[in-house]
Amino acid sequence: MAGDMELAPIFKALGDNTRLRILELLSCGELCACDILESFQITQPTLSYHMKILTDCGLVDSRKEGQWIRYSNNTEQINEIREYWNIISSAQDNCICKTIKEKKNEK
């Protein structure tokens, strides 16, 4: 697996269209919650719910600035997920499918 990442919460977070759109919006740079909210037709509590999921799994970083919270994509975490995806989507020397094939050939 990619480092010590807990992948299930990350992929669960990615399983929602609103959260995917938030990540895409944040790819342009850091934004305050008010700017994110303007891009969606959702309430502030609903945005807070989505942002908590994204920050809890590590996809998004947050920092408080005055009365606002500013959010940005955690590029390190996103790069680790990209690396993990590349590993599981291509043949590797230690790939599980090779182990399965070897066991079948032994029979």
Protein backbone atom coordinates (compact mmCIF):
# COMPACT_ATOMS: atom_id res chain seq x y z
CA MET A 1 0.00 0.00 0.00
CA ALA A 2 0.95 3.62 -0.36
CA GLY A 3 2.84 4.38 2.82
CA ASP A 4 0.75 4.18 5.95
CA MET A 5 -2.35 5.69 4.35
CA GLU A 6 -5.78 4.49 5.32
CA LEU A 7 -7.18 4.10 1.85
CA ALA A 8 -10.81 3.16 2.55
CA PRO A 9 -11.75 6.59 4.03
CA ILE A 10 -10.02 8.32 1.14
CA PHE A 11 -11.85 6.35 -1.53
CA LYS A 12 -15.10 6.73 0.40
CA ALA A 13 -14.56 10.51 0.40
CA LEU A 14 -13.95 10.37 -3.35
CA GLY A 15 -17.24 8.54 -3.85
CA ASP A 16 -19.31 11.73 -3.68
CA ASN A 17 -19.76 14.14 -6.61
CA THR A 18 -19.83 17.24 -4.39
CA ARG A 19 -16.54 16.30 -2.74
CA LEU A 20 -14.97 15.56 -6.13
CA ARG A 21 -16.06 19.00 -7.34
CA ILE A 22 -14.63 20.60 -4.19
CA LEU A 23 -11.27 18.92 -4.84
CA GLU A 24 -11.36 20.12 -8.42
CA LEU A 25 -12.17 23.66 -7.26
CA LEU A 26 -9.28 23.55 -4.78
CA SER A 27 -6.89 22.45 -7.53
CA CYS A 28 -6.79 26.15 -8.50
CA GLY A 29 -5.42 27.05 -5.06
CA GLU A 30 -6.43 27.81 -1.50
CA LEU A 31 -9.98 29.07 -0.95
CA CYS A 32 -12.02 30.16 2.01
CA ALA A 33 -15.20 28.30 2.86
CA CYS A 34 -17.27 31.26 1.66
CA ASP A 35 -15.71 31.05 -1.82
CA ILE A 36 -16.34 27.31 -2.00
CA LEU A 37 -19.92 27.80 -0.84
CA GLU A 38 -20.58 30.29 -3.65
CA SER A 39 -19.75 27.58 -6.19
CA PHE A 40 -22.41 25.19 -4.89
CA GLN A 41 -26.09 25.30 -4.15
CA ILE A 42 -25.72 23.80 -0.68
CA THR A 43 -26.03 25.17 2.83
CA GLN A 44 -23.08 26.08 5.02
CA PRO A 45 -23.69 23.08 7.36
CA THR A 46 -23.68 20.76 4.33
CA LEU A 47 -20.39 22.27 3.14
CA SER A 48 -18.95 21.82 6.64
CA TYR A 49 -19.98 18.16 6.55
CA HIS A 50 -18.18 17.59 3.24
CA MET A 51 -15.10 19.53 4.32
CA LYS A 52 -14.84 17.50 7.52
CA ILE A 53 -14.80 14.28 5.51
CA LEU A 54 -12.15 15.67 3.14
CA THR A 55 -9.95 16.96 5.95
CA ASP A 56 -10.38 13.90 8.19
CA CYS A 57 -9.11 11.57 5.46
CA GLY A 58 -6.24 13.93 4.65
CA LEU A 59 -7.19 14.97 1.12
CA VAL A 60 -7.67 18.61 2.15
CA ASP A 61 -5.74 20.82 4.56
CA SER A 62 -7.41 23.61 6.51
CA ARG A 63 -6.20 26.65 8.39
CA LYS A 64 -8.03 29.32 10.30
CA GLU A 65 -7.58 32.91 9.18
CA GLY A 66 -9.57 35.32 11.31
CA GLN A 67 -13.18 34.20 11.24
CA TRP A 68 -12.70 32.17 8.06
CA ILE A 69 -11.33 28.73 7.40
CA ARG A 70 -9.17 28.41 4.30
CA TYR A 71 -8.87 25.09 2.51
CA SER A 72 -6.34 23.65 0.08
CA ASN A 73 -5.70 20.28 -1.48
CA ASN A 74 -3.11 18.19 0.34
CA THR A 75 -0.91 17.63 -2.70
CA GLU A 76 1.38 15.21 -0.86
CA GLN A 77 -1.56 12.93 -0.03
CA ILE A 78 -2.97 13.25 -3.55
CA ASN A 79 0.42 12.32 -5.03
CA GLU A 80 0.58 9.25 -2.76
CA ILE A 81 -2.87 8.18 -3.98
CA ARG A 82 -1.75 8.74 -7.59
CA GLU A 83 1.31 6.57 -6.93
CA TYR A 84 -0.84 3.86 -5.33
CA TRP A 85 -3.25 3.95 -8.28
CA ASN A 86 -0.36 3.61 -10.72
CA ILE A 87 0.90 0.57 -8.81
CA ILE A 88 -2.43 -1.24 -8.73
CA SER A 89 -3.24 -0.43 -12.35
CA SER A 90 -0.04 -1.81 -13.87
CA ALA A 91 1.87 -5.07 -13.73
CA GLN A 92 4.56 -5.19 -11.06
CA ASP A 93 7.21 -7.79 -10.25
CA ASN A 94 5.53 -8.52 -6.91
CA CYS A 95 1.99 -8.27 -8.25
CA ILE A 96 -0.62 -10.49 -6.60
CA CYS A 97 -1.82 -11.71 -10.01
CA LYS A 98 1.61 -13.21 -10.69
CA THR A 99 1.45 -15.10 -7.40
CA ILE A 100 -1.98 -16.44 -8.31
CA LYS A 101 -0.77 -17.53 -11.77
CA GLU A 102 2.27 -19.26 -10.24
CA LYS A 103 0.06 -21.20 -7.82
CA LYS A 104 -2.20 -22.27 -10.69
CA ASN A 105 0.80 -23.46 -12.71
CA GLU A 106 2.05 -25.52 -9.73
CA LYS A 107 -1.15 -27.58 -9.74
